[in-house]
Amino acid sequence: MRKIELSYSIKERITERATERAGTAPASAHAMLRNPMMDVLHAVRACGSISAAARRLGFSYRHVWGQLKQWEAELGQELIVWERGQAALLSPFGERLLMAERLAQARLGPQMESLRAELERAFALAFEPEITQAGSEVLTLYASHDHALNALQDMARQGADGSGLHLDIRYCGSVDAIRALNEGRCVLAGFHTQPFADATSLSARTYRPLLKPGTHKIIGFARRVQGLMVAPDNPLKLHDMRDVARLQARFVNRAKGTGTRLLLDELMVQAGLDPIDITGFDAVESSHAAVAHAVASGRADVGLGTEYAARNQGLGFVPLTDERYLLVCLKAALETPGVQRLLALLSGAKWQAALNALPGYASDHSGEVAAMKRLLPWWKSPTV
């Protein structure tokens, strides 16, 4: 097994669009954790030549060629298959390296996003002392992983008044997030659920014991689409979970305690299916992105996840249900400066426009503080 060492760099924050205009964005530009060798391999694969890859990365041909030869010597295997006059191709080993890197990025994306945000917050003490001394607010949020939350975190950090709001997001399953709130580990929790499930549904029976009307308030965040992530053009013609079972399509699941696993259990009950009916039911991945990668790499035929994750991997998508992504806040924390800043951001036009621009997302009561029964129609008090 090879040893992995992690490092980081400090750069001026620029927009991805500006980077793309400059023509220097590598194929792995969206990666949370960067590696120079992977950047070169991505560029060679995309451009078909070492010279074009070098130009794309902003390096000389000689530099990239020397790096490739050095890496091949260190790893003991060739990375590029190339003959004069022919397109440069990745070797089978080079292709396997890229596949392994994509899998690591998909599985560890939520953790790396949290680590990056924490490093940026720490270094703000050096680069922006006047802001941090003025008291940039910090809100700790345990939440089911969601791309819109990452976008919100970036927008909150910038701060319209220069003060900023740091969302310290700890990603976990929806059920675990609300438990963390109840145990005092955070002031906010993020979870998702079908809005129109009935009061006897599995979602209602799971979340109802965790939510406390006298202690919690619900804050609207977003509506998003969940469905089947499939290969482009949906070659197996899968339209629902019954098709997945009937055709014995290779499925990849999410872990117990996640909102998506709860949604799957709900859909299977509605379809009259048992776990034994699903090929791959026990094969588990840690995030929507990791499930999408499993389908994109051919390890699975189908998985349940968000439209955003499917589109991001170039997959086909079969919508199955809308769901609300909601925040639960301690009622006692509603009037604190940090929560008030968050509510103002969520209800603002800038955030809602950004949210509506994300594939599969729509603004839905964003920033509205509501009673349980308003945003959770299945809510019924246990005493009723």
Protein backbone atom coordinates (compact mmCIF):
# COMPACT_ATOMS: atom_id res chain seq x y z
CA MET A 1 0.00 0.00 0.00
CA ARG A 2 1.35 3.44 -0.96
CA LYS A 3 1.79 6.20 1.60
CA ILE A 4 -0.35 9.33 1.10
CA GLU A 5 0.75 12.75 2.35
CA LEU A 6 -1.68 15.69 2.41
CA SER A 7 -0.79 19.32 1.80
CA TYR A 8 -2.59 22.59 1.10
CA SER A 9 -1.93 25.90 -0.63
CA ILE A 10 -3.14 29.43 0.07
CA LYS A 11 -4.47 31.38 -2.91
CA GLU A 12 -6.47 34.48 -3.65
CA ARG A 13 -10.15 33.59 -4.04
CA ILE A 14 -11.13 33.92 -7.73
CA THR A 15 -14.20 32.73 -9.57
CA GLU A 16 -14.16 29.50 -11.53
CA ARG A 17 -15.52 31.43 -14.53
CA ALA A 18 -12.47 33.71 -14.50
CA THR A 19 -10.16 30.70 -14.34
CA GLU A 20 -11.93 29.07 -17.28
CA ARG A 21 -11.68 32.30 -19.32
CA ALA A 22 -7.93 32.31 -18.69
CA GLY A 23 -7.76 28.80 -20.15
CA THR A 24 -5.80 27.40 -17.21
CA ALA A 25 -8.45 25.33 -15.45
CA PRO A 26 -7.41 21.67 -15.34
CA ALA A 27 -9.97 18.90 -15.78
CA SER A 28 -9.78 18.35 -12.03
CA ALA A 29 -10.47 22.04 -11.25
CA HIS A 30 -13.49 21.17 -9.12
CA ALA A 31 -11.54 18.69 -6.96
CA MET A 32 -11.47 19.53 -3.27
CA LEU A 33 -8.03 17.95 -2.82
CA ARG A 34 -5.47 18.54 -5.57
CA ASN A 35 -2.47 16.51 -6.71
CA PRO A 36 -0.10 17.72 -9.48
CA MET A 37 0.20 14.26 -11.05
CA MET A 38 -3.57 13.86 -11.22
CA ASP A 39 -3.89 17.34 -12.74
CA VAL A 40 -1.46 16.35 -15.51
CA LEU A 41 -3.18 13.01 -16.14
CA HIS A 42 -6.60 14.69 -16.30
CA ALA A 43 -5.23 17.26 -18.77
CA VAL A 44 -3.53 14.68 -21.01
CA ARG A 45 -6.68 12.57 -21.06
CA ALA A 46 -8.80 15.60 -22.00
CA CYS A 47 -6.40 17.13 -24.56
CA GLY A 48 -4.90 14.03 -26.20
CA SER A 49 -1.38 15.44 -26.25
CA ILE A 50 1.30 16.38 -23.74
CA SER A 51 1.95 19.77 -25.34
CA ALA A 52 -1.74 20.73 -25.21
CA ALA A 53 -1.95 19.51 -21.61
CA ALA A 54 1.08 21.65 -20.72
CA ARG A 55 -0.53 24.74 -22.26
CA ARG A 56 -3.78 24.08 -20.42
CA LEU A 57 -1.96 23.85 -17.11
CA GLY A 58 0.26 26.88 -17.81
CA PHE A 59 3.53 24.89 -17.88
CA SER A 60 6.18 24.27 -20.51
CA TYR A 61 6.23 21.01 -22.45
CA ARG A 62 9.66 20.26 -21.00
CA HIS A 63 8.42 20.68 -17.43
CA VAL A 64 5.42 18.36 -17.90
CA TRP A 65 7.49 15.75 -19.77
CA GLY A 66 10.10 15.79 -16.99
CA GLN A 67 7.43 15.44 -14.32
CA LEU A 68 5.84 12.47 -16.09
CA LYS A 69 9.18 10.69 -16.36
CA GLN A 70 9.95 11.39 -12.68
CA TRP A 71 6.56 10.03 -11.55
CA GLU A 72 6.93 6.93 -13.73
CA ALA A 73 10.34 6.24 -12.19
CA GLU A 74 8.96 6.69 -8.65
CA LEU A 75 5.90 4.51 -9.25
CA GLY A 76 7.66 1.90 -11.36
CA GLN A 77 4.97 1.93 -14.07
CA GLU A 78 4.30 3.98 -17.19
CA LEU A 79 1.57 6.62 -17.06
CA ILE A 80 1.36 7.66 -20.71
CA VAL A 81 1.29 5.61 -23.92
CA TRP A 82 2.65 7.84 -26.67
CA GLU A 83 4.25 7.56 -30.09
CA ARG A 84 5.40 10.41 -32.31
CA GLY A 85 2.55 11.57 -34.51
CA GLN A 86 -0.05 9.77 -32.40
CA ALA A 87 -2.40 11.03 -29.67
CA ALA A 88 -1.11 10.62 -26.13
CA LEU A 89 -3.16 8.14 -24.12
CA LEU A 90 -3.12 7.17 -20.48
CA SER A 91 -1.75 3.73 -19.81
CA PRO A 92 -4.05 1.19 -18.12
CA PHE A 93 -2.24 2.03 -14.87
CA GLY A 94 -2.79 5.76 -15.45
CA GLU A 95 -6.50 5.15 -16.02
CA ARG A 96 -6.72 3.14 -12.80
CA LEU A 97 -5.01 5.97 -10.91
CA LEU A 98 -7.56 8.48 -12.15
CA MET A 99 -10.44 6.16 -11.28
CA ALA A 100 -9.07 5.68 -7.75
CA GLU A 101 -8.63 9.44 -7.36
CA ARG A 102 -12.21 10.13 -8.49
CA LEU A 103 -13.50 7.55 -6.03
CA ALA A 104 -11.54 9.13 -3.17
CA GLN A 105 -12.82 12.60 -4.10
CA ALA A 106 -16.40 11.33 -4.22
CA ARG A 107 -16.23 9.46 -0.92
CA LEU A 108 -14.33 12.12 1.02
CA GLY A 109 -15.87 15.24 -0.51
CA PRO A 110 -17.97 16.23 2.54
CA GLN A 111 -15.06 15.79 4.94
CA MET A 112 -12.67 17.70 2.66
CA GLU A 113 -15.17 20.53 2.29
CA SER A 114 -15.37 20.83 6.09
CA LEU A 115 -11.58 20.74 6.38
CA ARG A 116 -11.14 23.45 3.73
CA ALA A 117 -13.69 25.71 5.41
CA GLU A 118 -11.99 25.26 8.79
CA LEU A 119 -8.56 26.07 7.33
CA GLU A 120 -9.94 29.21 5.64
CA ARG A 121 -11.49 30.31 8.91
CA ALA A 122 -8.20 29.76 10.76
CA PHE A 123 -6.12 31.69 8.21
CA ALA A 124 -8.62 34.56 8.20
CA LEU A 125 -7.02 35.50 11.54
CA ALA A 126 -3.86 36.36 9.59
CA PHE A 127 -5.30 37.79 6.38
CA GLU A 128 -8.37 39.61 7.74
CA PRO A 129 -7.63 40.50 11.39
CA GLU A 130 -9.94 43.53 11.32
CA ILE A 131 -12.88 41.29 10.38
CA THR A 132 -12.16 38.43 12.76
CA GLN A 133 -11.53 40.83 15.64
CA ALA A 134 -14.90 42.46 14.92
CA GLY A 135 -16.49 39.14 15.71
CA SER A 136 -17.36 37.05 12.66
CA GLU A 137 -20.17 34.79 13.84
CA VAL A 138 -19.73 31.01 13.92
CA LEU A 139 -22.67 28.60 13.71
CA THR A 140 -22.12 24.88 14.19
CA LEU A 141 -24.37 22.83 11.97
CA TYR A 142 -24.64 19.03 11.83
CA ALA A 143 -26.28 18.10 8.55
CA SER A 144 -26.94 15.56 5.87
CA HIS A 145 -24.57 16.35 3.02
CA ASP A 146 -26.04 18.68 0.44
CA HIS A 147 -24.38 20.66 -2.35
CA ALA A 148 -26.57 23.70 -1.71
CA LEU A 149 -25.20 23.84 1.83
CA ASN A 150 -21.69 24.09 0.40
CA ALA A 151 -22.83 26.99 -1.80
CA LEU A 152 -24.49 28.64 1.21
CA GLN A 153 -21.32 28.23 3.24
CA ASP A 154 -19.31 30.07 0.58
CA MET A 155 -21.85 32.90 0.28
CA ALA A 156 -22.15 33.28 4.05
CA ARG A 157 -18.38 33.51 4.44
CA GLN A 158 -18.14 36.48 2.07
CA GLY A 159 -20.61 38.60 4.06
CA ALA A 160 -22.37 41.54 2.45
CA ASP A 161 -21.25 43.85 5.27
CA GLY A 162 -17.70 42.47 5.37
CA SER A 163 -18.21 40.70 8.70
CA GLY A 164 -19.05 37.27 7.32
CA LEU A 165 -20.72 34.27 8.88
CA HIS A 166 -18.82 31.03 9.29
CA LEU A 167 -20.92 27.89 9.01
CA ASP A 168 -19.03 25.13 10.77
CA ILE A 169 -20.71 22.22 8.97
CA ARG A 170 -20.22 18.67 10.24
CA TYR A 171 -21.66 16.23 7.72
CA CYS A 172 -23.46 13.10 8.88
CA GLY A 173 -26.79 11.36 8.29
CA SER A 174 -30.08 13.20 8.78
CA VAL A 175 -31.02 11.17 11.85
CA ASP A 176 -27.58 11.60 13.41
CA ALA A 177 -27.73 15.35 12.73
CA ILE A 178 -30.92 15.83 14.75
CA ARG A 179 -29.50 13.63 17.51
CA ALA A 180 -26.44 15.89 17.64
CA LEU A 181 -28.77 18.88 18.08
CA ASN A 182 -30.59 17.13 20.91
CA GLU A 183 -27.29 16.29 22.59
CA GLY A 184 -26.14 19.93 22.56
CA ARG A 185 -23.36 19.52 20.01
CA CYS A 186 -24.78 22.20 17.69
CA VAL A 187 -27.49 24.86 17.41
CA LEU A 188 -28.68 23.81 13.94
CA ALA A 189 -29.27 20.49 12.19
CA GLY A 190 -30.04 19.77 8.53
CA PHE A 191 -32.25 16.93 7.34
CA HIS A 192 -34.43 16.08 4.35
CA THR A 193 -37.78 14.38 4.00
CA GLN A 194 -40.70 13.96 1.62
CA PRO A 195 -43.05 16.85 2.38
CA PHE A 196 -46.30 15.06 1.67
CA ALA A 197 -45.72 11.67 3.29
CA ASP A 198 -48.60 10.78 5.60
CA ALA A 199 -48.47 10.67 9.39
CA THR A 200 -48.00 6.89 9.45
CA SER A 201 -45.08 6.91 7.01
CA LEU A 202 -41.64 5.64 7.91
CA SER A 203 -40.25 9.20 7.63
CA ALA A 204 -42.83 10.51 10.10
CA ARG A 205 -42.24 7.64 12.52
CA THR A 206 -38.46 8.17 12.35
CA TYR A 207 -38.27 11.94 12.71
CA ARG A 208 -41.23 12.59 15.03
CA PRO A 209 -39.55 11.23 18.21
CA LEU A 210 -36.45 13.36 17.51
CA LEU A 211 -38.19 16.69 16.92
CA LYS A 212 -39.35 18.62 19.97
CA PRO A 213 -41.94 21.38 19.35
CA GLY A 214 -41.16 23.23 22.58
CA THR A 215 -37.41 23.20 21.93
CA HIS A 216 -37.04 23.29 18.14
CA LYS A 217 -38.12 25.52 15.28
CA ILE A 218 -38.07 24.50 11.62
CA ILE A 219 -36.35 26.79 9.09
CA GLY A 220 -37.08 26.37 5.39
CA PHE A 221 -34.01 25.84 3.22
CA ALA A 222 -34.64 24.24 -0.18
CA ARG A 223 -36.60 21.80 -2.26
CA ARG A 224 -34.61 19.26 -4.24
CA VAL A 225 -35.25 16.26 -6.49
CA GLN A 226 -34.19 12.72 -5.66
CA GLY A 227 -34.32 9.85 -8.10
CA LEU A 228 -32.46 7.07 -9.88
CA MET A 229 -28.95 7.88 -11.06
CA VAL A 230 -28.34 5.74 -14.14
CA ALA A 231 -25.93 5.49 -17.07
CA PRO A 232 -26.42 8.10 -19.82
CA ASP A 233 -29.59 7.46 -21.86
CA ASN A 234 -30.77 4.97 -19.20
CA PRO A 235 -29.86 1.80 -21.16
CA LEU A 236 -31.76 -0.50 -18.78
CA LYS A 237 -34.88 1.69 -19.04
CA LEU A 238 -35.27 1.91 -15.28
CA HIS A 239 -38.20 4.03 -14.11
CA ASP A 240 -38.74 3.03 -10.47
CA MET A 241 -37.62 0.60 -7.78
CA ARG A 242 -39.84 -2.14 -9.18
CA ASP A 243 -37.82 -1.99 -12.40
CA VAL A 244 -34.59 -2.14 -10.39
CA ALA A 245 -35.80 -5.33 -8.68
CA ARG A 246 -37.36 -6.91 -11.78
CA LEU A 247 -34.27 -6.44 -13.95
CA GLN A 248 -31.85 -7.28 -11.12
CA ALA A 249 -29.95 -4.07 -11.82
CA ARG A 250 -26.84 -3.68 -9.69
CA PHE A 251 -27.79 -1.17 -7.00
CA VAL A 252 -25.57 0.87 -4.68
CA ASN A 253 -27.09 1.98 -1.38
CA ARG A 254 -26.54 4.56 1.35
CA ALA A 255 -25.83 3.85 5.00
CA LYS A 256 -28.46 3.49 7.72
CA GLY A 257 -29.17 6.79 9.45
CA THR A 258 -28.98 8.83 6.25
CA GLY A 259 -32.04 10.57 4.89
CA THR A 260 -31.57 8.95 1.50
CA ARG A 261 -31.55 5.45 3.03
CA LEU A 262 -34.75 6.36 4.83
CA LEU A 263 -36.24 7.54 1.53
CA LEU A 264 -35.23 4.27 -0.13
CA ASP A 265 -36.87 2.25 2.65
CA GLU A 266 -40.01 4.34 2.14
CA LEU A 267 -40.02 3.78 -1.62
CA MET A 268 -39.51 0.05 -1.17
CA VAL A 269 -42.42 -0.20 1.25
CA GLN A 270 -44.60 1.62 -1.26
CA ALA A 271 -43.45 -0.78 -4.01
CA GLY A 272 -43.93 -3.88 -1.85
CA LEU A 273 -40.23 -4.79 -2.05
CA ASP A 274 -37.87 -6.38 0.48
CA PRO A 275 -34.07 -5.90 0.68
CA ILE A 276 -33.54 -9.38 -0.76
CA ASP A 277 -35.27 -8.22 -3.95
CA ILE A 278 -32.54 -5.64 -4.68
CA THR A 279 -29.20 -6.80 -6.06
CA GLY A 280 -26.52 -4.86 -4.19
CA PHE A 281 -28.75 -3.67 -1.36
CA ASP A 282 -25.87 -4.16 1.11
CA ALA A 283 -23.33 -2.31 -1.07
CA VAL A 284 -23.06 1.07 0.67
CA GLU A 285 -21.44 4.37 -0.32
CA SER A 286 -20.99 7.43 1.86
CA SER A 287 -22.45 10.27 -0.23
CA HIS A 288 -24.50 11.17 -3.28
CA ALA A 289 -21.26 11.87 -5.16
CA ALA A 290 -19.85 8.46 -4.25
CA VAL A 291 -23.01 6.71 -5.44
CA ALA A 292 -22.85 8.69 -8.70
CA HIS A 293 -19.21 7.69 -9.13
CA ALA A 294 -20.08 4.02 -8.62
CA VAL A 295 -22.59 4.27 -11.47
CA ALA A 296 -20.29 6.33 -13.70
CA SER A 297 -17.41 3.88 -13.24
CA GLY A 298 -19.59 0.87 -14.07
CA ARG A 299 -19.40 -0.70 -10.61
CA ALA A 300 -23.17 -0.32 -10.32
CA ASP A 301 -26.08 0.19 -12.70
CA VAL A 302 -28.17 2.46 -10.52
CA GLY A 303 -28.31 4.30 -7.22
CA LEU A 304 -30.65 6.67 -5.43
CA GLY A 305 -29.50 10.28 -5.15
CA THR A 306 -29.93 13.91 -6.06
CA GLU A 307 -30.30 15.26 -9.56
CA TYR A 308 -27.35 17.57 -8.91
CA ALA A 309 -25.00 14.64 -8.19
CA ALA A 310 -26.17 12.79 -11.30
CA ARG A 311 -25.76 15.79 -13.61
CA ASN A 312 -22.36 16.58 -12.10
CA GLN A 313 -21.13 13.12 -13.17
CA GLY A 314 -22.73 13.27 -16.61
CA LEU A 315 -25.24 10.54 -15.71
CA GLY A 316 -28.86 10.03 -16.67
CA PHE A 317 -31.45 10.81 -14.03
CA VAL A 318 -34.97 9.48 -13.41
CA PRO A 319 -36.84 11.74 -10.94
CA LEU A 320 -38.82 9.88 -8.30
CA THR A 321 -39.77 12.45 -5.68
CA ASP A 322 -39.36 16.01 -4.48
CA GLU A 323 -38.21 16.48 -0.94
CA ARG A 324 -37.68 19.36 1.44
CA TYR A 325 -34.28 20.01 2.91
CA LEU A 326 -34.93 21.70 6.24
CA LEU A 327 -32.95 23.17 9.09
CA VAL A 328 -33.89 22.55 12.72
CA CYS A 329 -32.84 25.29 15.13
CA LEU A 330 -32.91 25.49 18.89
CA LYS A 331 -35.74 27.89 19.70
CA ALA A 332 -33.52 29.58 22.29
CA ALA A 333 -30.91 30.37 19.60
CA LEU A 334 -33.26 32.07 17.12
CA GLU A 335 -32.51 35.61 18.30
CA THR A 336 -28.73 35.21 18.42
CA PRO A 337 -26.76 37.35 15.92
CA GLY A 338 -25.46 34.34 14.00
CA VAL A 339 -28.88 32.80 13.40
CA GLN A 340 -30.34 36.18 12.51
CA ARG A 341 -27.62 36.68 9.88
CA LEU A 342 -28.33 33.23 8.50
CA LEU A 343 -32.07 33.90 8.25
CA ALA A 344 -31.43 37.20 6.45
CA LEU A 345 -29.14 35.44 3.98
CA LEU A 346 -31.58 32.59 3.32
CA SER A 347 -34.49 34.93 2.68
CA GLY A 348 -32.47 37.27 0.44
CA ALA A 349 -32.84 37.46 -3.34
CA LYS A 350 -29.14 36.76 -3.96
CA TRP A 351 -29.20 33.39 -2.20
CA GLN A 352 -32.52 32.32 -3.67
CA ALA A 353 -31.30 33.11 -7.21
CA ALA A 354 -28.15 31.07 -6.60
CA LEU A 355 -30.21 28.19 -5.22
CA ASN A 356 -32.63 28.16 -8.15
CA ALA A 357 -29.67 28.00 -10.55
CA LEU A 358 -28.49 24.66 -9.13
CA PRO A 359 -29.72 21.59 -11.10
CA GLY A 360 -32.56 19.91 -9.24
CA TYR A 361 -32.97 22.65 -6.61
CA ALA A 362 -35.61 25.30 -5.96
CA SER A 363 -36.20 27.85 -3.26
CA ASP A 364 -38.88 26.63 -0.86
CA HIS A 365 -39.76 28.72 2.22
CA SER A 366 -36.07 29.66 2.39
CA GLY A 367 -35.35 31.50 5.64
CA GLU A 368 -38.91 31.10 6.94
CA VAL A 369 -39.17 30.11 10.60
CA ALA A 370 -42.18 27.88 10.99
CA ALA A 371 -43.99 25.51 13.27
CA MET A 372 -43.53 21.79 12.61
CA LYS A 373 -46.92 21.27 10.98
CA ARG A 374 -46.42 24.05 8.43
CA LEU A 375 -43.36 22.57 6.70
CA LEU A 376 -43.95 18.97 7.79
CA PRO A 377 -47.59 18.25 6.87
CA TRP A 378 -47.25 14.73 8.27
CA TRP A 379 -46.47 16.18 11.69
CA LYS A 380 -48.80 15.18 14.46
CA SER A 381 -48.13 15.54 18.12
CA PRO A 382 -47.83 12.14 19.84
CA THR A 383 -50.51 13.32 22.27
CA VAL A 384 -53.10 13.98 19.56
